[in-house]
Amino acid sequence: MYWTRLEQIDADLKRLEALNRAVGQAPENADLRHEAAIICLRHGQEQEALRWLSGALQVSPQYRPAHQALAEYYERHSKPERAAYHRRLASSGPG
């Protein structure tokens, strides 16, 4: 069980490094930023995840996956108004 978790962490760290490089080469790609945010959330790095999601929305303000992730984040943190705002945008923006 611990080895499986360690392998997942190692794979996620390697992918995060690759995503950092990829964002440098394709700074307007919101998908890369969203993927990095999901990895950070999986490992409890919430502030870093919020930074990545904010970056995704800076390059693509209507990017649905980022709004969906933010809606879920704010629901978990008992901020229903912010969650509703992002859920609304997640249901209407481009994928």
PDB file of N, CA and C in Angstrom:
ATOM      1  N   MET A   1       0.823  -1.191   0.000  1.00  0.00           N
ATOM      2  CA  MET A   1       0.000   0.000   0.000  1.00  0.00           C
ATOM      3  C   MET A   1       0.869   1.258   0.000  1.00  0.00           C
ATOM      4  N   TYR A   2       1.880   1.293   0.845  1.00  0.00           N
ATOM      5  CA  TYR A   2       2.753   2.464   0.891  1.00  0.00           C
ATOM      6  C   TYR A   2       3.544   2.625  -0.399  1.00  0.00           C
ATOM      7  N   TRP A   3       3.970   1.498  -0.981  1.00  0.00           N
ATOM      8  CA  TRP A   3       4.719   1.579  -2.238  1.00  0.00           C
ATOM      9  C   TRP A   3       3.856   2.127  -3.351  1.00  0.00           C
ATOM     10  N   THR A   4       2.614   1.729  -3.358  1.00  0.00           N
ATOM     11  CA  THR A   4       1.688   2.231  -4.381  1.00  0.00           C
ATOM     12  C   THR A   4       1.528   3.742  -4.245  1.00  0.00           C
ATOM     13  N   ARG A   5       1.361   4.192  -3.025  1.00  0.00           N
ATOM     14  CA  ARG A   5       1.216   5.638  -2.778  1.00  0.00           C
ATOM     15  C   ARG A   5       2.494   6.383  -3.155  1.00  0.00           C
ATOM     16  N   LEU A   6       3.624   5.818  -2.784  1.00  0.00           N
ATOM     17  CA  LEU A   6       4.911   6.428  -3.120  1.00  0.00           C
ATOM     18  C   LEU A   6       5.101   6.504  -4.635  1.00  0.00           C
ATOM     19  N   GLU A   7       4.719   5.458  -5.333  1.00  0.00           N
ATOM     20  CA  GLU A   7       4.827   5.456  -6.794  1.00  0.00           C
ATOM     21  C   GLU A   7       3.922   6.522  -7.407  1.00  0.00           C
ATOM     22  N   GLN A   8       2.713   6.687  -6.844  1.00  0.00           N
ATOM     23  CA  GLN A   8       1.794   7.713  -7.337  1.00  0.00           C
ATOM     24  C   GLN A   8       2.372   9.108  -7.114  1.00  0.00           C
ATOM     25  N   ILE A   9       2.945   9.328  -5.936  1.00  0.00           N
ATOM     26  CA  ILE A   9       3.555  10.628  -5.637  1.00  0.00           C
ATOM     27  C   ILE A   9       4.706  10.899  -6.590  1.00  0.00           C
ATOM     28  N   ASP A  10       5.540   9.906  -6.792  1.00  0.00           N
ATOM     29  CA  ASP A  10       6.684  10.059  -7.698  1.00  0.00           C
ATOM     30  C   ASP A  10       6.217  10.370  -9.114  1.00  0.00           C
ATOM     31  N   ALA A  11       5.221   9.631  -9.586  1.00  0.00           N
ATOM     32  CA  ALA A  11       4.691   9.877 -10.936  1.00  0.00           C
ATOM     33  C   ALA A  11       4.095  11.277 -11.042  1.00  0.00           C
ATOM     34  N   ASP A  12       3.365  11.704 -10.003  1.00  0.00           N
ATOM     35  CA  ASP A  12       2.766  13.039 -10.020  1.00  0.00           C
ATOM     36  C   ASP A  12       3.830  14.131 -10.008  1.00  0.00           C
ATOM     37  N   LEU A  13       4.886  13.949  -9.236  1.00  0.00           N
ATOM     38  CA  LEU A  13       5.961  14.945  -9.215  1.00  0.00           C
ATOM     39  C   LEU A  13       6.634  15.053 -10.578  1.00  0.00           C
ATOM     40  N   LYS A  14       6.869  13.918 -11.210  1.00  0.00           N
ATOM     41  CA  LYS A  14       7.472  13.935 -12.553  1.00  0.00           C
ATOM     42  C   LYS A  14       6.544  14.612 -13.553  1.00  0.00           C
ATOM     43  N   ARG A  15       5.251  14.314 -13.457  1.00  0.00           N
ATOM     44  CA  ARG A  15       4.298  14.931 -14.375  1.00  0.00           C
ATOM     45  C   ARG A  15       4.215  16.436 -14.123  1.00  0.00           C
ATOM     46  N   LEU A  16       4.264  16.840 -12.861  1.00  0.00           N
ATOM     47  CA  LEU A  16       4.223  18.263 -12.535  1.00  0.00           C
ATOM     48  C   LEU A  16       5.440  18.991 -13.096  1.00  0.00           C
ATOM     49  N   GLU A  17       6.600  18.376 -13.023  1.00  0.00           N
ATOM     50  CA  GLU A  17       7.802  18.954 -13.633  1.00  0.00           C
ATOM     51  C   GLU A  17       7.621  19.098 -15.138  1.00  0.00           C
ATOM     52  N   ALA A  18       7.075  18.067 -15.776  1.00  0.00           N
ATOM     53  CA  ALA A  18       6.830  18.118 -17.220  1.00  0.00           C
ATOM     54  C   ALA A  18       5.815  19.204 -17.559  1.00  0.00           C
ATOM     55  N   LEU A  19       4.787  19.341 -16.741  1.00  0.00           N
ATOM     56  CA  LEU A  19       3.782  20.375 -16.975  1.00  0.00           C
ATOM     57  C   LEU A  19       4.382  21.770 -16.840  1.00  0.00           C
ATOM     58  N   ASN A  20       5.260  21.965 -15.868  1.00  0.00           N
ATOM     59  CA  ASN A  20       5.939  23.257 -15.724  1.00  0.00           C
ATOM     60  C   ASN A  20       6.699  23.612 -16.993  1.00  0.00           C
ATOM     61  N   ARG A  21       7.418  22.639 -17.539  1.00  0.00           N
ATOM     62  CA  ARG A  21       8.157  22.879 -18.790  1.00  0.00           C
ATOM     63  C   ARG A  21       7.195  23.151 -19.942  1.00  0.00           C
ATOM     64  N   ALA A  22       6.129  22.360 -20.010  1.00  0.00           N
ATOM     65  CA  ALA A  22       5.166  22.506 -21.103  1.00  0.00           C
ATOM     66  C   ALA A  22       4.477  23.868 -21.063  1.00  0.00           C
ATOM     67  N   VAL A  23       4.155  24.356 -19.873  1.00  0.00           N
ATOM     68  CA  VAL A  23       3.526  25.676 -19.762  1.00  0.00           C
ATOM     69  C   VAL A  23       4.481  26.754 -20.261  1.00  0.00           C
ATOM     70  N   GLY A  24       5.761  26.575 -20.026  1.00  0.00           N
ATOM     71  CA  GLY A  24       6.747  27.522 -20.546  1.00  0.00           C
ATOM     72  C   GLY A  24       6.769  27.555 -22.064  1.00  0.00           C
ATOM     73  N   GLN A  25       6.481  26.409 -22.679  1.00  0.00           N
ATOM     74  CA  GLN A  25       6.472  26.324 -24.143  1.00  0.00           C
ATOM     75  C   GLN A  25       5.115  26.682 -24.743  1.00  0.00           C
ATOM     76  N   ALA A  26       4.051  26.503 -23.963  1.00  0.00           N
ATOM     77  CA  ALA A  26       2.696  26.794 -24.447  1.00  0.00           C
ATOM     78  C   ALA A  26       1.935  27.549 -23.356  1.00  0.00           C
ATOM     79  N   PRO A  27       2.313  28.801 -23.104  1.00  0.00           N
ATOM     80  CA  PRO A  27       1.737  29.536 -21.977  1.00  0.00           C
ATOM     81  C   PRO A  27       0.231  29.795 -22.090  1.00  0.00           C
ATOM     82  N   GLU A  28      -0.333  29.692 -23.272  1.00  0.00           N
ATOM     83  CA  GLU A  28      -1.767  29.939 -23.438  1.00  0.00           C
ATOM     84  C   GLU A  28      -2.609  28.672 -23.310  1.00  0.00           C
ATOM     85  N   ASN A  29      -1.999  27.559 -22.916  1.00  0.00           N
ATOM     86  CA  ASN A  29      -2.699  26.279 -22.828  1.00  0.00           C
ATOM     87  C   ASN A  29      -3.293  26.108 -21.422  1.00  0.00           C
ATOM     88  N   ALA A  30      -4.589  26.305 -21.307  1.00  0.00           N
ATOM     89  CA  ALA A  30      -5.269  26.177 -20.015  1.00  0.00           C
ATOM     90  C   ALA A  30      -5.322  24.729 -19.539  1.00  0.00           C
ATOM     91  N   ASP A  31      -5.349  23.776 -20.470  1.00  0.00           N
ATOM     92  CA  ASP A  31      -5.389  22.360 -20.093  1.00  0.00           C
ATOM     93  C   ASP A  31      -4.193  21.979 -19.223  1.00  0.00           C
ATOM     94  N   LEU A  32      -3.010  22.456 -19.589  1.00  0.00           N
ATOM     95  CA  LEU A  32      -1.800  22.130 -18.834  1.00  0.00           C
ATOM     96  C   LEU A  32      -1.890  22.670 -17.416  1.00  0.00           C
ATOM     97  N   ARG A  33      -2.367  23.880 -17.291  1.00  0.00           N
ATOM     98  CA  ARG A  33      -2.487  24.516 -15.978  1.00  0.00           C
ATOM     99  C   ARG A  33      -3.529  23.795 -15.108  1.00  0.00           C
ATOM    100  N   HIS A  34      -4.625  23.396 -15.738  1.00  0.00           N
ATOM    101  CA  HIS A  34      -5.666  22.665 -15.018  1.00  0.00           C
ATOM    102  C   HIS A  34      -5.127  21.324 -14.520  1.00  0.00           C
ATOM    103  N   GLU A  35      -4.413  20.608 -15.358  1.00  0.00           N
ATOM    104  CA  GLU A  35      -3.854  19.322 -14.949  1.00  0.00           C
ATOM    105  C   GLU A  35      -2.900  19.487 -13.762  1.00  0.00           C
ATOM    106  N   ALA A  36      -2.078  20.518 -13.802  1.00  0.00           N
ATOM    107  CA  ALA A  36      -1.167  20.789 -12.687  1.00  0.00           C
ATOM    108  C   ALA A  36      -1.962  21.069 -11.407  1.00  0.00           C
ATOM    109  N   ALA A  37      -3.053  21.809 -11.534  1.00  0.00           N
ATOM    110  CA  ALA A  37      -3.884  22.118 -10.368  1.00  0.00           C
ATOM    111  C   ALA A  37      -4.475  20.857  -9.761  1.00  0.00           C
ATOM    112  N   ILE A  38      -4.934  19.953 -10.602  1.00  0.00           N
ATOM    113  CA  ILE A  38      -5.536  18.715 -10.110  1.00  0.00           C
ATOM    114  C   ILE A  38      -4.502  17.890  -9.351  1.00  0.00           C
ATOM    115  N   ILE A  39      -3.290  17.838  -9.860  1.00  0.00           N
ATOM    116  CA  ILE A  39      -2.214  17.119  -9.163  1.00  0.00           C
ATOM    117  C   ILE A  39      -1.961  17.766  -7.804  1.00  0.00           C
ATOM    118  N   CYS A  40      -1.899  19.078  -7.773  1.00  0.00           N
ATOM    119  CA  CYS A  40      -1.663  19.779  -6.506  1.00  0.00           C
ATOM    120  C   CYS A  40      -2.796  19.524  -5.509  1.00  0.00           C
ATOM    121  N   LEU A  41      -4.031  19.550  -5.980  1.00  0.00           N
ATOM    122  CA  LEU A  41      -5.158  19.276  -5.093  1.00  0.00           C
ATOM    123  C   LEU A  41      -5.083  17.862  -4.533  1.00  0.00           C
ATOM    124  N   ARG A  42      -4.698  16.923  -5.368  1.00  0.00           N
ATOM    125  CA  ARG A  42      -4.602  15.524  -4.937  1.00  0.00           C
ATOM    126  C   ARG A  42      -3.620  15.370  -3.778  1.00  0.00           C
ATOM    127  N   HIS A  43      -2.633  16.260  -3.707  1.00  0.00           N
ATOM    128  CA  HIS A  43      -1.601  16.159  -2.683  1.00  0.00           C
ATOM    129  C   HIS A  43      -1.721  17.237  -1.600  1.00  0.00           C
ATOM    130  N   GLY A  44      -2.899  17.869  -1.539  1.00  0.00           N
ATOM    131  CA  GLY A  44      -3.146  18.820  -0.460  1.00  0.00           C
ATOM    132  C   GLY A  44      -2.463  20.166  -0.615  1.00  0.00           C
ATOM    133  N   GLN A  45      -1.964  20.458  -1.790  1.00  0.00           N
ATOM    134  CA  GLN A  45      -1.304  21.738  -2.051  1.00  0.00           C
ATOM    135  C   GLN A  45      -2.342  22.720  -2.610  1.00  0.00           C
ATOM    136  N   GLU A  46      -3.269  23.119  -1.750  1.00  0.00           N
ATOM    137  CA  GLU A  46      -4.407  23.904  -2.203  1.00  0.00           C
ATOM    138  C   GLU A  46      -4.035  25.273  -2.745  1.00  0.00           C
ATOM    139  N   GLN A  47      -3.151  25.982  -2.087  1.00  0.00           N
ATOM    140  CA  GLN A  47      -2.778  27.317  -2.562  1.00  0.00           C
ATOM    141  C   GLN A  47      -2.105  27.246  -3.927  1.00  0.00           C
ATOM    142  N   GLU A  48      -1.264  26.249  -4.108  1.00  0.00           N
ATOM    143  CA  GLU A  48      -0.612  26.066  -5.412  1.00  0.00           C
ATOM    144  C   GLU A  48      -1.651  25.702  -6.465  1.00  0.00           C
ATOM    145  N   ALA A  49      -2.610  24.875  -6.094  1.00  0.00           N
ATOM    146  CA  ALA A  49      -3.681  24.510  -7.026  1.00  0.00           C
ATOM    147  C   ALA A  49      -4.491  25.740  -7.426  1.00  0.00           C
ATOM    148  N   LEU A  50      -4.814  26.572  -6.452  1.00  0.00           N
ATOM    149  CA  LEU A  50      -5.565  27.799  -6.758  1.00  0.00           C
ATOM    150  C   LEU A  50      -4.765  28.705  -7.689  1.00  0.00           C
ATOM    151  N   ARG A  51      -3.463  28.748  -7.506  1.00  0.00           N
ATOM    152  CA  ARG A  51      -2.615  29.551  -8.390  1.00  0.00           C
ATOM    153  C   ARG A  51      -2.694  29.012  -9.823  1.00  0.00           C
ATOM    154  N   TRP A  52      -2.608  27.698  -9.967  1.00  0.00           N
ATOM    155  CA  TRP A  52      -2.686  27.100 -11.302  1.00  0.00           C
ATOM    156  C   TRP A  52      -4.067  27.334 -11.937  1.00  0.00           C
ATOM    157  N   LEU A  53      -5.125  27.184 -11.154  1.00  0.00           N
ATOM    158  CA  LEU A  53      -6.467  27.405 -11.695  1.00  0.00           C
ATOM    159  C   LEU A  53      -6.669  28.858 -12.080  1.00  0.00           C
ATOM    160  N   SER A  54      -6.148  29.760 -11.282  1.00  0.00           N
ATOM    161  CA  SER A  54      -6.218  31.176 -11.619  1.00  0.00           C
ATOM    162  C   SER A  54      -5.491  31.444 -12.934  1.00  0.00           C
ATOM    163  N   GLY A  55      -4.339  30.823 -13.100  1.00  0.00           N
ATOM    164  CA  GLY A  55      -3.594  30.969 -14.348  1.00  0.00           C
ATOM    165  C   GLY A  55      -4.364  30.434 -15.538  1.00  0.00           C
ATOM    166  N   ALA A  56      -5.040  29.305 -15.347  1.00  0.00           N
ATOM    167  CA  ALA A  56      -5.849  28.741 -16.443  1.00  0.00           C
ATOM    168  C   ALA A  56      -6.937  29.731 -16.848  1.00  0.00           C
ATOM    169  N   LEU A  57      -7.560  30.370 -15.855  1.00  0.00           N
ATOM    170  CA  LEU A  57      -8.622  31.328 -16.163  1.00  0.00           C
ATOM    171  C   LEU A  57      -8.083  32.642 -16.701  1.00  0.00           C
ATOM    172  N   GLN A  58      -6.848  32.974 -16.397  1.00  0.00           N
ATOM    173  CA  GLN A  58      -6.254  34.175 -16.986  1.00  0.00           C
ATOM    174  C   GLN A  58      -6.054  33.985 -18.487  1.00  0.00           C
ATOM    175  N   VAL A  59      -5.652  32.791 -18.892  1.00  0.00           N
ATOM    176  CA  VAL A  59      -5.417  32.563 -20.325  1.00  0.00           C
ATOM    177  C   VAL A  59      -6.697  32.188 -21.060  1.00  0.00           C
ATOM    178  N   SER A  60      -7.692  31.661 -20.328  1.00  0.00           N
ATOM    179  CA  SER A  60      -8.965  31.276 -20.936  1.00  0.00           C
ATOM    180  C   SER A  60     -10.080  31.490 -19.903  1.00  0.00           C
ATOM    181  N   PRO A  61     -10.604  32.695 -19.813  1.00  0.00           N
ATOM    182  CA  PRO A  61     -11.550  33.044 -18.741  1.00  0.00           C
ATOM    183  C   PRO A  61     -12.804  32.170 -18.653  1.00  0.00           C
ATOM    184  N   GLN A  62     -13.209  31.550 -19.726  1.00  0.00           N
ATOM    185  CA  GLN A  62     -14.412  30.718 -19.704  1.00  0.00           C
ATOM    186  C   GLN A  62     -14.097  29.222 -19.661  1.00  0.00           C
ATOM    187  N   TYR A  63     -12.887  28.854 -19.287  1.00  0.00           N
ATOM    188  CA  TYR A  63     -12.443  27.463 -19.300  1.00  0.00           C
ATOM    189  C   TYR A  63     -13.205  26.639 -18.255  1.00  0.00           C
ATOM    190  N   ARG A  64     -14.118  25.801 -18.738  1.00  0.00           N
ATOM    191  CA  ARG A  64     -15.033  25.060 -17.866  1.00  0.00           C
ATOM    192  C   ARG A  64     -14.355  24.184 -16.819  1.00  0.00           C
ATOM    193  N   PRO A  65     -13.349  23.366 -17.186  1.00  0.00           N
ATOM    194  CA  PRO A  65     -12.753  22.495 -16.161  1.00  0.00           C
ATOM    195  C   PRO A  65     -12.183  23.266 -14.957  1.00  0.00           C
ATOM    196  N   ALA A  66     -11.618  24.429 -15.184  1.00  0.00           N
ATOM    197  CA  ALA A  66     -11.091  25.227 -14.072  1.00  0.00           C
ATOM    198  C   ALA A  66     -12.234  25.741 -13.204  1.00  0.00           C
ATOM    199  N   HIS A  67     -13.315  26.197 -13.833  1.00  0.00           N
ATOM    200  CA  HIS A  67     -14.465  26.659 -13.062  1.00  0.00           C
ATOM    201  C   HIS A  67     -15.081  25.505 -12.272  1.00  0.00           C
ATOM    202  N   GLN A  68     -15.131  24.327 -12.870  1.00  0.00           N
ATOM    203  CA  GLN A  68     -15.664  23.158 -12.169  1.00  0.00           C
ATOM    204  C   GLN A  68     -14.804  22.819 -10.951  1.00  0.00           C
ATOM    205  N   ALA A  69     -13.486  22.817 -11.137  1.00  0.00           N
ATOM    206  CA  ALA A  69     -12.575  22.520 -10.025  1.00  0.00           C
ATOM    207  C   ALA A  69     -12.722  23.559  -8.918  1.00  0.00           C
ATOM    208  N   LEU A  70     -12.868  24.819  -9.293  1.00  0.00           N
ATOM    209  CA  LEU A  70     -13.042  25.873  -8.287  1.00  0.00           C
ATOM    210  C   LEU A  70     -14.392  25.738  -7.570  1.00  0.00           C
ATOM    211  N   ALA A  71     -15.434  25.368  -8.300  1.00  0.00           N
ATOM    212  CA  ALA A  71     -16.738  25.156  -7.674  1.00  0.00           C
ATOM    213  C   ALA A  71     -16.641  24.058  -6.618  1.00  0.00           C
ATOM    214  N   GLU A  72     -15.980  22.969  -6.956  1.00  0.00           N
ATOM    215  CA  GLU A  72     -15.818  21.866  -6.009  1.00  0.00           C
ATOM    216  C   GLU A  72     -14.962  22.290  -4.815  1.00  0.00           C
ATOM    217  N   TYR A  73     -13.913  23.039  -5.076  1.00  0.00           N
ATOM    218  CA  TYR A  73     -13.041  23.527  -3.996  1.00  0.00           C
ATOM    219  C   TYR A  73     -13.837  24.391  -3.019  1.00  0.00           C
ATOM    220  N   TYR A  74     -14.594  25.346  -3.555  1.00  0.00           N
ATOM    221  CA  TYR A  74     -15.334  26.253  -2.681  1.00  0.00           C
ATOM    222  C   TYR A  74     -16.481  25.546  -1.963  1.00  0.00           C
ATOM    223  N   GLU A  75     -17.062  24.529  -2.563  1.00  0.00           N
ATOM    224  CA  GLU A  75     -18.073  23.745  -1.858  1.00  0.00           C
ATOM    225  C   GLU A  75     -17.452  23.046  -0.649  1.00  0.00           C
ATOM    226  N   ARG A  76     -16.273  22.458  -0.839  1.00  0.00           N
ATOM    227  CA  ARG A  76     -15.583  21.774   0.261  1.00  0.00           C
ATOM    228  C   ARG A  76     -15.203  22.745   1.376  1.00  0.00           C
ATOM    229  N   HIS A  77     -15.020  24.005   1.028  1.00  0.00           N
ATOM    230  CA  HIS A  77     -14.589  24.999   2.012  1.00  0.00           C
ATOM    231  C   HIS A  77     -15.741  25.905   2.463  1.00  0.00           C
ATOM    232  N   SER A  78     -16.951  25.414   2.310  1.00  0.00           N
ATOM    233  CA  SER A  78     -18.152  26.106   2.804  1.00  0.00           C
ATOM    234  C   SER A  78     -18.259  27.544   2.311  1.00  0.00           C
ATOM    235  N   LYS A  79     -18.052  27.719   1.025  1.00  0.00           N
ATOM    236  CA  LYS A  79     -18.222  29.033   0.411  1.00  0.00           C
ATOM    237  C   LYS A  79     -19.215  28.874  -0.743  1.00  0.00           C
ATOM    238  N   PRO A  80     -20.507  28.712  -0.398  1.00  0.00           N
ATOM    239  CA  PRO A  80     -21.505  28.374  -1.416  1.00  0.00           C
ATOM    240  C   PRO A  80     -21.688  29.427  -2.508  1.00  0.00           C
ATOM    241  N   GLU A  81     -21.528  30.705  -2.173  1.00  0.00           N
ATOM    242  CA  GLU A  81     -21.719  31.744  -3.189  1.00  0.00           C
ATOM    243  C   GLU A  81     -20.635  31.644  -4.260  1.00  0.00           C
ATOM    244  N   ARG A  82     -19.404  31.474  -3.820  1.00  0.00           N
ATOM    245  CA  ARG A  82     -18.299  31.358  -4.777  1.00  0.00           C
ATOM    246  C   ARG A  82     -18.440  30.071  -5.578  1.00  0.00           C
ATOM    247  N   ALA A  83     -18.865  28.990  -4.903  1.00  0.00           N
ATOM    248  CA  ALA A  83     -19.069  27.714  -5.594  1.00  0.00           C
ATOM    249  C   ALA A  83     -20.140  27.868  -6.678  1.00  0.00           C
ATOM    250  N   ALA A  84     -21.237  28.533  -6.333  1.00  0.00           N
ATOM    251  CA  ALA A  84     -22.334  28.724  -7.289  1.00  0.00           C
ATOM    252  C   ALA A  84     -21.875  29.548  -8.492  1.00  0.00           C
ATOM    253  N   TYR A  85     -21.099  30.573  -8.231  1.00  0.00           N
ATOM    254  CA  TYR A  85     -20.570  31.416  -9.311  1.00  0.00           C
ATOM    255  C   TYR A  85     -19.767  30.565 -10.307  1.00  0.00           C
ATOM    256  N   HIS A  86     -18.850  29.769  -9.788  1.00  0.00           N
ATOM    257  CA  HIS A  86     -18.015  28.961 -10.672  1.00  0.00           C
ATOM    258  C   HIS A  86     -18.812  27.825 -11.313  1.00  0.00           C
ATOM    259  N   ARG A  87     -19.778  27.282 -10.605  1.00  0.00           N
ATOM    260  CA  ARG A  87     -20.610  26.231 -11.196  1.00  0.00           C
ATOM    261  C   ARG A  87     -21.407  26.776 -12.372  1.00  0.00           C
ATOM    262  N   ARG A  88     -21.914  28.008 -12.225  1.00  0.00           N
ATOM    263  CA  ARG A  88     -22.636  28.657 -13.325  1.00  0.00           C
ATOM    264  C   ARG A  88     -21.724  28.798 -14.542  1.00  0.00           C
ATOM    265  N   LEU A  89     -20.510  29.273 -14.322  1.00  0.00           N
ATOM    266  CA  LEU A  89     -19.570  29.455 -15.427  1.00  0.00           C
ATOM    267  C   LEU A  89     -19.137  28.107 -16.013  1.00  0.00           C
ATOM    268  N   ALA A  90     -19.052  27.098 -15.172  1.00  0.00           N
ATOM    269  CA  ALA A  90     -18.658  25.770 -15.649  1.00  0.00           C
ATOM    270  C   ALA A  90     -19.717  25.184 -16.580  1.00  0.00           C
ATOM    271  N   SER A  91     -20.956  25.557 -16.354  1.00  0.00           N
ATOM    272  CA  SER A  91     -22.023  24.996 -17.192  1.00  0.00           C
ATOM    273  C   SER A  91     -22.226  25.776 -18.477  1.00  0.00           C
ATOM    274  N   SER A  92     -21.570  26.935 -18.611  1.00  0.00           N
ATOM    275  CA  SER A  92     -21.814  27.742 -19.804  1.00  0.00           C
ATOM    276  C   SER A  92     -20.571  28.024 -20.640  1.00  0.00           C
ATOM    277  N   GLY A  93     -19.382  27.782 -20.094  1.00  0.00           N
ATOM    278  CA  GLY A  93     -18.155  28.148 -20.819  1.00  0.00           C
ATOM    279  C   GLY A  93     -17.699  27.066 -21.776  1.00  0.00           C
ATOM    280  N   PRO A  94     -16.662  27.378 -22.583  1.00  0.00           N
ATOM    281  CA  PRO A  94     -16.101  26.375 -23.493  1.00  0.00           C
ATOM    282  C   PRO A  94     -15.327  25.324 -22.710  1.00  0.00           C
ATOM    283  N   GLY A  95     -15.295  24.115 -23.242  1.00  0.00           N
ATOM    284  CA  GLY A  95     -14.644  23.003 -22.558  1.00  0.00           C
ATOM    285  C   GLY A  95     -13.190  23.053 -22.664  1.00  0.00           C
TER     286      GLY A  95
END
